[in-house]
PDB file of N, CA and C in Angstrom:
ATOM      1  N   MET A   1      -5.998   0.845  19.864  1.00  0.00           N
ATOM      2  CA  MET A   1      -4.732   0.093  18.558  1.00  0.00           C
ATOM      3  C   MET A   1      -4.221   1.431  17.736  1.00  0.00           C
ATOM      4  N   SER A   2      -2.341   1.716  17.831  1.00  0.00           N
ATOM      5  CA  SER A   2      -2.214   3.366  17.079  1.00  0.00           C
ATOM      6  C   SER A   2      -1.664   2.880  15.571  1.00  0.00           C
ATOM      7  N   GLY A   3      -1.762   1.881  15.177  1.00  0.00           N
ATOM      8  CA  GLY A   3      -1.637   1.322  13.625  1.00  0.00           C
ATOM      9  C   GLY A   3      -0.607  -0.390  13.758  1.00  0.00           C
ATOM     10  N   THR A   4      -0.045  -0.162  12.525  1.00  0.00           N
ATOM     11  CA  THR A   4       0.780  -1.547  12.479  1.00  0.00           C
ATOM     12  C   THR A   4       2.525  -1.106  12.485  1.00  0.00           C
ATOM     13  N   SER A   5       3.010  -2.064  12.532  1.00  0.00           N
ATOM     14  CA  SER A   5       5.041  -2.242  12.545  1.00  0.00           C
ATOM     15  C   SER A   5       5.333  -1.348  11.011  1.00  0.00           C
ATOM     16  N   ILE A   6       4.722  -2.196   9.776  1.00  0.00           N
ATOM     17  CA  ILE A   6       4.732  -2.025   8.574  1.00  0.00           C
ATOM     18  C   ILE A   6       3.880  -0.259   8.478  1.00  0.00           C
ATOM     19  N   GLN A   7       5.149  -0.159   7.693  1.00  0.00           N
ATOM     20  CA  GLN A   7       5.439   1.683   6.967  1.00  0.00           C
ATOM     21  C   GLN A   7       5.170   1.458   5.581  1.00  0.00           C
ATOM     22  N   ASN A   8       4.498   2.194   4.958  1.00  0.00           N
ATOM     23  CA  ASN A   8       4.208   1.929   3.454  1.00  0.00           C
ATOM     24  C   ASN A   8       4.543   3.432   2.135  1.00  0.00           C
ATOM     25  N   ALA A   9       5.076   3.108   1.386  1.00  0.00           N
ATOM     26  CA  ALA A   9       4.537   4.127  -0.019  1.00  0.00           C
ATOM     27  C   ALA A   9       4.238   4.134  -0.948  1.00  0.00           C
ATOM     28  N   ILE A  10       2.765   4.081  -0.303  1.00  0.00           N
ATOM     29  CA  ILE A  10       1.823   3.838  -1.631  1.00  0.00           C
ATOM     30  C   ILE A  10       1.501   5.697  -1.869  1.00  0.00           C
ATOM     31  N   ARG A  11       1.365   5.954  -1.007  1.00  0.00           N
ATOM     32  CA  ARG A  11       0.896   7.670  -1.143  1.00  0.00           C
ATOM     33  C   ARG A  11       1.518   8.495  -2.442  1.00  0.00           C
ATOM     34  N   ARG A  12       2.928   8.239  -2.127  1.00  0.00           N
ATOM     35  CA  ARG A  12       4.200   8.580  -2.625  1.00  0.00           C
ATOM     36  C   ARG A  12       4.449   8.118  -3.713  1.00  0.00           C
ATOM     37  N   LEU A  13       3.935   6.853  -4.135  1.00  0.00           N
ATOM     38  CA  LEU A  13       4.316   6.178  -5.149  1.00  0.00           C
ATOM     39  C   LEU A  13       2.715   6.221  -6.352  1.00  0.00           C
ATOM     40  N   ARG A  14       1.934   6.580  -5.380  1.00  0.00           N
ATOM     41  CA  ARG A  14       0.716   6.527  -6.330  1.00  0.00           C
ATOM     42  C   ARG A  14       0.606   7.917  -7.244  1.00  0.00           C
ATOM     43  N   PHE A  15       1.564   9.459  -6.281  1.00  0.00           N
ATOM     44  CA  PHE A  15       1.536  10.698  -6.960  1.00  0.00           C
ATOM     45  C   PHE A  15       2.498  10.410  -8.021  1.00  0.00           C
ATOM     46  N   GLU A  16       3.885   9.291  -8.221  1.00  0.00           N
ATOM     47  CA  GLU A  16       5.033   9.658  -8.898  1.00  0.00           C
ATOM     48  C   GLU A  16       3.858   8.855 -10.282  1.00  0.00           C
ATOM     49  N   ARG A  17       3.561   8.385 -10.551  1.00  0.00           N
ATOM     50  CA  ARG A  17       2.875   7.408 -11.258  1.00  0.00           C
ATOM     51  C   ARG A  17       1.393   7.777 -11.764  1.00  0.00           C
ATOM     52  N   GLY A  18       1.907   9.828 -12.250  1.00  0.00           N
ATOM     53  CA  GLY A  18       0.887  10.106 -12.853  1.00  0.00           C
ATOM     54  C   GLY A  18      -0.132  10.396 -12.094  1.00  0.00           C
ATOM     55  N   GLU A  19      -0.046  10.541 -10.607  1.00  0.00           N
ATOM     56  CA  GLU A  19      -1.548  10.257  -9.687  1.00  0.00           C
ATOM     57  C   GLU A  19      -2.009   9.949  -9.920  1.00  0.00           C
ATOM     58  N   MET A  20      -1.583   8.694  -9.678  1.00  0.00           N
ATOM     59  CA  MET A  20      -3.076   6.869  -9.702  1.00  0.00           C
ATOM     60  C   MET A  20      -3.922   7.720  -8.603  1.00  0.00           C
ATOM     61  N   THR A  21      -4.823   7.382  -8.885  1.00  0.00           N
ATOM     62  CA  THR A  21      -5.974   7.520  -7.765  1.00  0.00           C
ATOM     63  C   THR A  21      -6.477   5.947  -7.231  1.00  0.00           C
ATOM     64  N   GLN A  22      -6.725   6.165  -5.690  1.00  0.00           N
ATOM     65  CA  GLN A  22      -6.865   5.235  -4.295  1.00  0.00           C
ATOM     66  C   GLN A  22      -7.660   4.369  -5.463  1.00  0.00           C
ATOM     67  N   GLN A  23      -8.647   4.691  -5.887  1.00  0.00           N
ATOM     68  CA  GLN A  23      -9.711   3.540  -6.785  1.00  0.00           C
ATOM     69  C   GLN A  23      -8.825   2.880  -7.617  1.00  0.00           C
ATOM     70  N   ALA A  24      -8.191   3.802  -9.046  1.00  0.00           N
ATOM     71  CA  ALA A  24      -7.420   3.475  -9.636  1.00  0.00           C
ATOM     72  C   ALA A  24      -6.367   1.859  -9.030  1.00  0.00           C
ATOM     73  N   LEU A  25      -5.798   2.504  -8.115  1.00  0.00           N
ATOM     74  CA  LEU A  25      -5.048   1.304  -7.252  1.00  0.00           C
ATOM     75  C   LEU A  25      -5.941   0.240  -6.808  1.00  0.00           C
ATOM     76  N   ALA A  26      -7.034   0.488  -6.612  1.00  0.00           N
ATOM     77  CA  ALA A  26      -7.752  -0.650  -5.950  1.00  0.00           C
ATOM     78  C   ALA A  26      -8.366  -1.263  -6.339  1.00  0.00           C
ATOM     79  N   ASP A  27      -8.879  -1.036  -8.165  1.00  0.00           N
ATOM     80  CA  ASP A  27      -9.263  -1.814  -8.974  1.00  0.00           C
ATOM     81  C   ASP A  27      -8.478  -2.676  -9.663  1.00  0.00           C
ATOM     82  N   ALA A  28      -7.520  -2.090  -9.595  1.00  0.00           N
ATOM     83  CA  ALA A  28      -6.007  -2.963 -10.091  1.00  0.00           C
ATOM     84  C   ALA A  28      -5.410  -4.297  -8.568  1.00  0.00           C
ATOM     85  N   CYS A  29      -5.939  -4.008  -8.046  1.00  0.00           N
ATOM     86  CA  CYS A  29      -5.689  -5.085  -7.069  1.00  0.00           C
ATOM     87  C   CYS A  29      -6.799  -5.791  -6.402  1.00  0.00           C
ATOM     88  N   GLY A  30      -8.270  -5.461  -6.645  1.00  0.00           N
ATOM     89  CA  GLY A  30      -8.864  -6.314  -6.179  1.00  0.00           C
ATOM     90  C   GLY A  30      -9.314  -5.785  -4.858  1.00  0.00           C
ATOM     91  N   VAL A  31      -9.452  -4.563  -4.878  1.00  0.00           N
ATOM     92  CA  VAL A  31     -10.211  -4.363  -2.990  1.00  0.00           C
ATOM     93  C   VAL A  31     -10.980  -3.028  -3.244  1.00  0.00           C
ATOM     94  N   THR A  32     -11.418  -2.397  -1.959  1.00  0.00           N
ATOM     95  CA  THR A  32     -11.980  -1.114  -1.897  1.00  0.00           C
ATOM     96  C   THR A  32     -10.996  -0.241  -2.109  1.00  0.00           C
ATOM     97  N   ARG A  33     -11.604   0.911  -2.104  1.00  0.00           N
ATOM     98  CA  ARG A  33     -10.875   2.061  -2.245  1.00  0.00           C
ATOM     99  C   ARG A  33     -10.951   2.300  -0.671  1.00  0.00           C
ATOM    100  N   GLN A  34     -11.370   1.977   0.275  1.00  0.00           N
ATOM    101  CA  GLN A  34     -11.223   1.939   1.898  1.00  0.00           C
ATOM    102  C   GLN A  34      -9.798   1.653   1.977  1.00  0.00           C
ATOM    103  N   THR A  35      -9.998   0.096   1.793  1.00  0.00           N
ATOM    104  CA  THR A  35      -8.748  -0.498   2.394  1.00  0.00           C
ATOM    105  C   THR A  35      -7.303   0.048   1.975  1.00  0.00           C
ATOM    106  N   ILE A  36      -7.578   0.574   0.757  1.00  0.00           N
ATOM    107  CA  ILE A  36      -6.243   1.574  -0.045  1.00  0.00           C
ATOM    108  C   ILE A  36      -5.919   2.563   1.379  1.00  0.00           C
ATOM    109  N   ILE A  37      -7.175   3.312   1.824  1.00  0.00           N
ATOM    110  CA  ILE A  37      -7.373   4.224   2.280  1.00  0.00           C
ATOM    111  C   ILE A  37      -6.560   4.070   4.031  1.00  0.00           C
ATOM    112  N   ALA A  38      -7.062   3.068   4.342  1.00  0.00           N
ATOM    113  CA  ALA A  38      -6.405   2.420   5.348  1.00  0.00           C
ATOM    114  C   ALA A  38      -5.032   1.786   5.268  1.00  0.00           C
ATOM    115  N   LEU A  39      -4.517   1.701   4.022  1.00  0.00           N
ATOM    116  CA  LEU A  39      -3.185   0.681   4.056  1.00  0.00           C
ATOM    117  C   LEU A  39      -2.705   2.554   4.235  1.00  0.00           C
ATOM    118  N   GLU A  40      -2.420   3.457   3.493  1.00  0.00           N
ATOM    119  CA  GLU A  40      -2.075   4.676   3.640  1.00  0.00           C
ATOM    120  C   GLU A  40      -2.027   5.119   4.812  1.00  0.00           C
ATOM    121  N   ALA A  41      -2.841   5.249   4.972  1.00  0.00           N
ATOM    122  CA  ALA A  41      -2.489   6.005   7.041  1.00  0.00           C
ATOM    123  C   ALA A  41      -1.911   4.741   8.065  1.00  0.00           C
ATOM    124  N   GLY A  42      -1.863   3.832   7.652  1.00  0.00           N
ATOM    125  CA  GLY A  42      -0.666   3.011   8.718  1.00  0.00           C
ATOM    126  C   GLY A  42      -2.064   2.025   9.530  1.00  0.00           C
ATOM    127  N   ARG A  43      -3.183   1.758   8.793  1.00  0.00           N
ATOM    128  CA  ARG A  43      -4.156   1.392  10.135  1.00  0.00           C
ATOM    129  C   ARG A  43      -4.739  -0.210   9.566  1.00  0.00           C
ATOM    130  N   TYR A  44      -3.832  -0.414   8.541  1.00  0.00           N
ATOM    131  CA  TYR A  44      -4.562  -2.113   8.256  1.00  0.00           C
ATOM    132  C   TYR A  44      -2.800  -2.084   7.454  1.00  0.00           C
ATOM    133  N   ALA A  45      -2.875  -3.501   7.697  1.00  0.00           N
ATOM    134  CA  ALA A  45      -0.982  -4.333   7.541  1.00  0.00           C
ATOM    135  C   ALA A  45      -1.463  -5.203   6.601  1.00  0.00           C
ATOM    136  N   PRO A  46      -1.119  -4.823   4.961  1.00  0.00           N
ATOM    137  CA  PRO A  46      -1.701  -5.979   3.700  1.00  0.00           C
ATOM    138  C   PRO A  46      -1.198  -7.693   3.977  1.00  0.00           C
ATOM    139  N   SER A  47      -2.427  -8.435   3.330  1.00  0.00           N
ATOM    140  CA  SER A  47      -1.831  -9.833   3.425  1.00  0.00           C
ATOM    141  C   SER A  47      -0.753  -9.724   2.126  1.00  0.00           C
ATOM    142  N   LEU A  48       0.348 -10.587   3.131  1.00  0.00           N
ATOM    143  CA  LEU A  48       0.825 -10.896   1.769  1.00  0.00           C
ATOM    144  C   LEU A  48       1.008 -10.423   0.109  1.00  0.00           C
ATOM    145  N   GLU A  49       0.103 -11.511  -0.335  1.00  0.00           N
ATOM    146  CA  GLU A  49      -0.254 -11.394  -1.747  1.00  0.00           C
ATOM    147  C   GLU A  49      -1.040  -9.650  -1.895  1.00  0.00           C
ATOM    148  N   LEU A  50      -2.046  -9.208  -1.398  1.00  0.00           N
ATOM    149  CA  LEU A  50      -2.496  -7.680  -1.435  1.00  0.00           C
ATOM    150  C   LEU A  50      -0.530  -6.832  -1.050  1.00  0.00           C
ATOM    151  N   GLY A  51       0.163  -7.337  -0.995  1.00  0.00           N
ATOM    152  CA  GLY A  51       1.254  -6.449  -0.859  1.00  0.00           C
ATOM    153  C   GLY A  51       1.621  -7.172  -2.164  1.00  0.00           C
ATOM    154  N   PHE A  52       2.101  -7.768  -2.587  1.00  0.00           N
ATOM    155  CA  PHE A  52       2.916  -8.195  -3.491  1.00  0.00           C
ATOM    156  C   PHE A  52       2.234  -7.854  -5.426  1.00  0.00           C
ATOM    157  N   ARG A  53       0.247  -8.076  -5.090  1.00  0.00           N
ATOM    158  CA  ARG A  53      -0.441  -6.817  -6.066  1.00  0.00           C
ATOM    159  C   ARG A  53      -0.335  -5.208  -5.943  1.00  0.00           C
ATOM    160  N   ILE A  54      -0.245  -4.756  -4.744  1.00  0.00           N
ATOM    161  CA  ILE A  54      -0.362  -3.740  -4.863  1.00  0.00           C
ATOM    162  C   ILE A  54       1.146  -2.919  -5.393  1.00  0.00           C
ATOM    163  N   ALA A  55       2.016  -3.345  -5.043  1.00  0.00           N
ATOM    164  CA  ALA A  55       3.567  -3.338  -6.067  1.00  0.00           C
ATOM    165  C   ALA A  55       3.758  -3.657  -7.529  1.00  0.00           C
ATOM    166  N   ASP A  56       2.899  -4.763  -7.464  1.00  0.00           N
ATOM    167  CA  ASP A  56       3.001  -5.290  -8.979  1.00  0.00           C
ATOM    168  C   ASP A  56       1.888  -3.737 -10.208  1.00  0.00           C
ATOM    169  N   ALA A  57       1.259  -3.211  -9.044  1.00  0.00           N
ATOM    170  CA  ALA A  57      -0.189  -2.499  -9.941  1.00  0.00           C
ATOM    171  C   ALA A  57       0.696  -0.988  -9.914  1.00  0.00           C
ATOM    172  N   LEU A  58       1.823  -0.528  -9.513  1.00  0.00           N
ATOM    173  CA  LEU A  58       2.553   0.456  -9.134  1.00  0.00           C
ATOM    174  C   LEU A  58       3.791   0.059 -10.143  1.00  0.00           C
ATOM    175  N   GLY A  59       3.552  -1.012 -10.502  1.00  0.00           N
ATOM    176  CA  GLY A  59       5.088  -1.671 -10.699  1.00  0.00           C
ATOM    177  C   GLY A  59       6.692  -1.456 -10.814  1.00  0.00           C
ATOM    178  N   VAL A  60       6.272  -1.795  -8.823  1.00  0.00           N
ATOM    179  CA  VAL A  60       7.907  -1.600  -8.261  1.00  0.00           C
ATOM    180  C   VAL A  60       7.590  -3.231  -7.395  1.00  0.00           C
ATOM    181  N   ARG A  61       9.205  -3.247  -6.713  1.00  0.00           N
ATOM    182  CA  ARG A  61       9.050  -4.298  -6.195  1.00  0.00           C
ATOM    183  C   ARG A  61       8.513  -3.972  -4.696  1.00  0.00           C
ATOM    184  N   ILE A  62       8.266  -4.924  -4.179  1.00  0.00           N
ATOM    185  CA  ILE A  62       7.714  -5.062  -3.184  1.00  0.00           C
ATOM    186  C   ILE A  62       8.426  -3.729  -1.637  1.00  0.00           C
ATOM    187  N   GLU A  63       9.983  -4.596  -2.240  1.00  0.00           N
ATOM    188  CA  GLU A  63      10.438  -3.464  -1.035  1.00  0.00           C
ATOM    189  C   GLU A  63      10.450  -2.371  -1.098  1.00  0.00           C
ATOM    190  N   GLU A  64       9.892  -1.832  -2.229  1.00  0.00           N
ATOM    191  CA  GLU A  64       9.998   0.072  -2.599  1.00  0.00           C
ATOM    192  C   GLU A  64       8.564   0.337  -1.964  1.00  0.00           C
ATOM    193  N   VAL A  65       7.943  -0.333  -1.909  1.00  0.00           N
ATOM    194  CA  VAL A  65       6.444  -0.227  -1.231  1.00  0.00           C
ATOM    195  C   VAL A  65       6.550  -0.059   0.261  1.00  0.00           C
ATOM    196  N   PHE A  66       6.730  -1.193   0.645  1.00  0.00           N
ATOM    197  CA  PHE A  66       6.733  -2.006   2.342  1.00  0.00           C
ATOM    198  C   PHE A  66       8.017  -1.777   2.567  1.00  0.00           C
ATOM    199  N   GLN A  67       7.760  -1.618   4.518  1.00  0.00           N
ATOM    200  CA  GLN A  67       9.116  -1.295   5.187  1.00  0.00           C
ATOM    201  C   GLN A  67       8.859  -2.427   6.275  1.00  0.00           C
ATOM    202  N   TRP A  68       9.225  -2.641   7.094  1.00  0.00           N
ATOM    203  CA  TRP A  68       9.126  -3.532   8.324  1.00  0.00           C
ATOM    204  C   TRP A  68       9.903  -2.413   9.306  1.00  0.00           C
ATOM    205  N   SER A  69       8.832  -2.100  10.512  1.00  0.00           N
ATOM    206  CA  SER A  69       9.744  -1.143  11.801  1.00  0.00           C
ATOM    207  C   SER A  69       9.576  -2.491  12.981  1.00  0.00           C
ATOM    208  N   ARG A  70      10.435  -3.046  13.632  1.00  0.00           N
ATOM    209  CA  ARG A  70      11.054  -4.092  14.404  1.00  0.00           C
ATOM    210  C   ARG A  70      10.550  -3.294  15.615  1.00  0.00           C
ATOM    211  N   ALA A  71       9.233  -3.292  15.968  1.00  0.00           N
ATOM    212  CA  ALA A  71       9.281  -2.730  17.587  1.00  0.00           C
ATOM    213  C   ALA A  71      10.771  -2.062  18.740  1.00  0.00           C
ATOM    214  N   PRO A  72      10.595  -1.674  19.554  1.00  0.00           N
ATOM    215  CA  PRO A  72      11.420  -1.606  20.088  1.00  0.00           C
ATOM    216  C   PRO A  72      11.554  -2.320  21.537  1.00  0.00           C
TER     217      PRO A  72
END
């Protein structure tokens, strides 16, 4: 499997917020750092609840974090 059709801007948004670490974001969202790593790499699509937690921790709307690409 080559990933997911959900793209994200987590890494960019972390760095725009004072270079927030993966661990800090993971702690704020109640997940492991490995989960954040997998999300940033596009290997994992989050649950809707986790998507909202990530957006909240980054201080943005969920649409600013995640984008869905329809498969051709």
